[in-house]
């Protein structure tokens, strides 16, 4: 296993937290992808 450490922008971190609360049984990969997509969409508009 390879461990990495990253810093998330605050809005992305909060969105990921909210998704984890709403969908606790969904995979972290799926939730992270959804959070990043939403964050980037918001940043580009």
PDB file of N, CA and C in Angstrom:
ATOM      1  N   UNK A   1       0.850  -1.174   0.000  1.00  0.00           N
ATOM      2  CA  UNK A   1       0.000   0.000   0.000  1.00  0.00           C
ATOM      3  C   UNK A   1       0.897   1.239   0.000  1.00  0.00           C
ATOM      4  N   UNK A   2       0.484   2.227  -0.756  1.00  0.00           N
ATOM      5  CA  UNK A   2       1.191   3.505  -0.804  1.00  0.00           C
ATOM      6  C   UNK A   2       0.305   4.554  -0.154  1.00  0.00           C
ATOM      7  N   UNK A   3       0.848   5.249   0.812  1.00  0.00           N
ATOM      8  CA  UNK A   3       0.092   6.313   1.486  1.00  0.00           C
ATOM      9  C   UNK A   3       0.535   7.659   0.937  1.00  0.00           C
ATOM     10  N   UNK A   4      -0.429   8.510   0.666  1.00  0.00           N
ATOM     11  CA  UNK A   4      -0.116   9.862   0.208  1.00  0.00           C
ATOM     12  C   UNK A   4      -0.872  10.863   1.062  1.00  0.00           C
ATOM     13  N   UNK A   5      -0.341  12.048   1.101  1.00  0.00           N
ATOM     14  CA  UNK A   5      -0.991  13.117   1.852  1.00  0.00           C
ATOM     15  C   UNK A   5      -1.247  14.269   0.893  1.00  0.00           C
ATOM     16  N   UNK A   6      -2.474  14.771   0.899  1.00  0.00           N
ATOM     17  CA  UNK A   6      -2.820  15.889   0.029  1.00  0.00           C
ATOM     18  C   UNK A   6      -3.543  16.951   0.841  1.00  0.00           C
ATOM     19  N   UNK A   7      -3.497  18.165   0.342  1.00  0.00           N
ATOM     20  CA  UNK A   7      -4.264  19.255   0.942  1.00  0.00           C
ATOM     21  C   UNK A   7      -5.439  19.563   0.030  1.00  0.00           C
ATOM     22  N   UNK A   8      -6.625  19.594   0.617  1.00  0.00           N
ATOM     23  CA  UNK A   8      -7.829  19.900  -0.147  1.00  0.00           C
ATOM     24  C   UNK A   8      -8.245  21.337   0.107  1.00  0.00           C
ATOM     25  N   UNK A   9      -8.704  22.029  -0.936  1.00  0.00           N
ATOM     26  CA  UNK A   9      -9.296  23.343  -0.702  1.00  0.00           C
ATOM     27  C   UNK A   9     -10.499  23.182   0.233  1.00  0.00           C
ATOM     28  N   UNK A  10     -10.726  24.160   1.076  1.00  0.00           N
ATOM     29  CA  UNK A  10     -11.801  24.099   2.072  1.00  0.00           C
ATOM     30  C   UNK A  10     -13.170  23.747   1.471  1.00  0.00           C
ATOM     31  N   UNK A  11     -13.583  24.397   0.349  1.00  0.00           N
ATOM     32  CA  UNK A  11     -14.902  24.061  -0.215  1.00  0.00           C
ATOM     33  C   UNK A  11     -14.994  22.591  -0.666  1.00  0.00           C
ATOM     34  N   UNK A  12     -13.920  22.066  -1.210  1.00  0.00           N
ATOM     35  CA  UNK A  12     -13.914  20.668  -1.643  1.00  0.00           C
ATOM     36  C   UNK A  12     -13.987  19.739  -0.435  1.00  0.00           C
ATOM     37  N   UNK A  13     -13.248  20.053   0.602  1.00  0.00           N
ATOM     38  CA  UNK A  13     -13.279  19.252   1.825  1.00  0.00           C
ATOM     39  C   UNK A  13     -14.680  19.228   2.426  1.00  0.00           C
ATOM     40  N   UNK A  14     -15.327  20.381   2.486  1.00  0.00           N
ATOM     41  CA  UNK A  14     -16.684  20.452   3.056  1.00  0.00           C
ATOM     42  C   UNK A  14     -17.696  19.678   2.205  1.00  0.00           C
ATOM     43  N   UNK A  15     -17.536  19.749   0.893  1.00  0.00           N
ATOM     44  CA  UNK A  15     -18.439  19.007   0.001  1.00  0.00           C
ATOM     45  C   UNK A  15     -18.249  17.503   0.207  1.00  0.00           C
ATOM     46  N   UNK A  16     -17.016  17.070   0.335  1.00  0.00           N
ATOM     47  CA  UNK A  16     -16.745  15.656   0.564  1.00  0.00           C
ATOM     48  C   UNK A  16     -17.320  15.205   1.907  1.00  0.00           C
ATOM     49  N   UNK A  17     -17.170  16.023   2.924  1.00  0.00           N
ATOM     50  CA  UNK A  17     -17.749  15.702   4.233  1.00  0.00           C
ATOM     51  C   UNK A  17     -19.265  15.536   4.141  1.00  0.00           C
ATOM     52  N   UNK A  18     -19.907  16.447   3.430  1.00  0.00           N
ATOM     53  CA  UNK A  18     -21.365  16.390   3.281  1.00  0.00           C
ATOM     54  C   UNK A  18     -21.785  15.112   2.554  1.00  0.00           C
ATOM     55  N   UNK A  19     -21.056  14.762   1.508  1.00  0.00           N
ATOM     56  CA  UNK A  19     -21.389  13.542   0.771  1.00  0.00           C
ATOM     57  C   UNK A  19     -21.179  12.300   1.631  1.00  0.00           C
ATOM     58  N   UNK A  20     -20.131  12.298   2.437  1.00  0.00           N
ATOM     59  CA  UNK A  20     -19.894  11.161   3.338  1.00  0.00           C
ATOM     60  C   UNK A  20     -21.039  11.012   4.338  1.00  0.00           C
ATOM     61  N   UNK A  21     -21.552  12.141   4.807  1.00  0.00           N
ATOM     62  CA  UNK A  21     -22.682  12.099   5.740  1.00  0.00           C
ATOM     63  C   UNK A  21     -23.957  11.599   5.060  1.00  0.00           C
ATOM     64  N   UNK A  22     -24.177  12.033   3.819  1.00  0.00           N
ATOM     65  CA  UNK A  22     -25.392  11.647   3.099  1.00  0.00           C
ATOM     66  C   UNK A  22     -25.360  10.200   2.602  1.00  0.00           C
ATOM     67  N   UNK A  23     -24.181   9.739   2.204  1.00  0.00           N
ATOM     68  CA  UNK A  23     -24.046   8.406   1.600  1.00  0.00           C
ATOM     69  C   UNK A  23     -22.947   7.606   2.308  1.00  0.00           C
ATOM     70  N   UNK A  24     -23.164   7.232   3.564  1.00  0.00           N
ATOM     71  CA  UNK A  24     -22.114   6.558   4.329  1.00  0.00           C
ATOM     72  C   UNK A  24     -21.732   5.173   3.798  1.00  0.00           C
ATOM     73  N   UNK A  25     -22.592   4.561   3.003  1.00  0.00           N
ATOM     74  CA  UNK A  25     -22.304   3.217   2.490  1.00  0.00           C
ATOM     75  C   UNK A  25     -21.695   3.219   1.095  1.00  0.00           C
ATOM     76  N   UNK A  26     -21.574   4.393   0.492  1.00  0.00           N
ATOM     77  CA  UNK A  26     -21.002   4.484  -0.850  1.00  0.00           C
ATOM     78  C   UNK A  26     -19.477   4.498  -0.750  1.00  0.00           C
ATOM     79  N   UNK A  27     -18.805   4.027  -1.790  1.00  0.00           N
ATOM     80  CA  UNK A  27     -17.343   3.956  -1.753  1.00  0.00           C
ATOM     81  C   UNK A  27     -16.737   5.357  -1.712  1.00  0.00           C
ATOM     82  N   UNK A  28     -15.610   5.462  -1.026  1.00  0.00           N
ATOM     83  CA  UNK A  28     -14.926   6.752  -0.913  1.00  0.00           C
ATOM     84  C   UNK A  28     -14.471   7.235  -2.289  1.00  0.00           C
ATOM     85  N   UNK A  29     -14.095   6.312  -3.165  1.00  0.00           N
ATOM     86  CA  UNK A  29     -13.680   6.697  -4.519  1.00  0.00           C
ATOM     87  C   UNK A  29     -14.816   7.387  -5.264  1.00  0.00           C
ATOM     88  N   UNK A  30     -15.988   6.805  -5.177  1.00  0.00           N
ATOM     89  CA  UNK A  30     -17.151   7.373  -5.848  1.00  0.00           C
ATOM     90  C   UNK A  30     -17.502   8.746  -5.279  1.00  0.00           C
ATOM     91  N   UNK A  31     -17.496   8.851  -3.962  1.00  0.00           N
ATOM     92  CA  UNK A  31     -17.828  10.130  -3.327  1.00  0.00           C
ATOM     93  C   UNK A  31     -16.786  11.193  -3.647  1.00  0.00           C
ATOM     94  N   UNK A  32     -15.532  10.808  -3.649  1.00  0.00           N
ATOM     95  CA  UNK A  32     -14.464  11.756  -3.950  1.00  0.00           C
ATOM     96  C   UNK A  32     -14.606  12.267  -5.377  1.00  0.00           C
ATOM     97  N   UNK A  33     -14.926  11.370  -6.305  1.00  0.00           N
ATOM     98  CA  UNK A  33     -15.129  11.765  -7.699  1.00  0.00           C
ATOM     99  C   UNK A  33     -16.286  12.748  -7.813  1.00  0.00           C
ATOM    100  N   UNK A  34     -17.386  12.461  -7.138  1.00  0.00           N
ATOM    101  CA  UNK A  34     -18.547  13.364  -7.170  1.00  0.00           C
ATOM    102  C   UNK A  34     -18.201  14.730  -6.583  1.00  0.00           C
ATOM    103  N   UNK A  35     -17.470  14.732  -5.491  1.00  0.00           N
ATOM    104  CA  UNK A  35     -17.097  15.990  -4.843  1.00  0.00           C
ATOM    105  C   UNK A  35     -16.185  16.817  -5.746  1.00  0.00           C
ATOM    106  N   UNK A  36     -15.226  16.170  -6.382  1.00  0.00           N
ATOM    107  CA  UNK A  36     -14.301  16.880  -7.275  1.00  0.00           C
ATOM    108  C   UNK A  36     -15.048  17.430  -8.484  1.00  0.00           C
ATOM    109  N   UNK A  37     -15.928  16.633  -9.069  1.00  0.00           N
ATOM    110  CA  UNK A  37     -16.702  17.104 -10.226  1.00  0.00           C
ATOM    111  C   UNK A  37     -17.526  18.335  -9.868  1.00  0.00           C
ATOM    112  N   UNK A  38     -18.203  18.288  -8.735  1.00  0.00           N
ATOM    113  CA  UNK A  38     -19.031  19.421  -8.312  1.00  0.00           C
ATOM    114  C   UNK A  38     -18.166  20.641  -8.018  1.00  0.00           C
ATOM    115  N   UNK A  39     -17.038  20.424  -7.378  1.00  0.00           N
ATOM    116  CA  UNK A  39     -16.134  21.527  -7.043  1.00  0.00           C
ATOM    117  C   UNK A  39     -15.597  22.195  -8.311  1.00  0.00           C
ATOM    118  N   UNK A  40     -15.149  21.392  -9.262  1.00  0.00           N
ATOM    119  CA  UNK A  40     -14.606  21.955 -10.502  1.00  0.00           C
ATOM    120  C   UNK A  40     -15.682  22.662 -11.318  1.00  0.00           C
ATOM    121  N   UNK A  41     -16.869  22.111 -11.352  1.00  0.00           N
ATOM    122  CA  UNK A  41     -17.976  22.763 -12.052  1.00  0.00           C
ATOM    123  C   UNK A  41     -18.243  24.134 -11.453  1.00  0.00           C
ATOM    124  N   UNK A  42     -18.235  24.209 -10.141  1.00  0.00           N
ATOM    125  CA  UNK A  42     -18.463  25.484  -9.454  1.00  0.00           C
ATOM    126  C   UNK A  42     -17.329  26.470  -9.752  1.00  0.00           C
ATOM    127  N   UNK A  43     -16.102  25.987  -9.806  1.00  0.00           N
ATOM    128  CA  UNK A  43     -14.956  26.856 -10.042  1.00  0.00           C
ATOM    129  C   UNK A  43     -14.923  27.394 -11.475  1.00  0.00           C
ATOM    130  N   UNK A  44     -15.460  26.628 -12.405  1.00  0.00           N
ATOM    131  CA  UNK A  44     -15.398  27.009 -13.815  1.00  0.00           C
ATOM    132  C   UNK A  44     -16.572  27.870 -14.259  1.00  0.00           C
ATOM    133  N   UNK A  45     -17.555  28.076 -13.390  1.00  0.00           N
ATOM    134  CA  UNK A  45     -18.704  28.897 -13.781  1.00  0.00           C
ATOM    135  C   UNK A  45     -18.614  30.278 -13.175  1.00  0.00           C
TER     136      UNK A  45
END
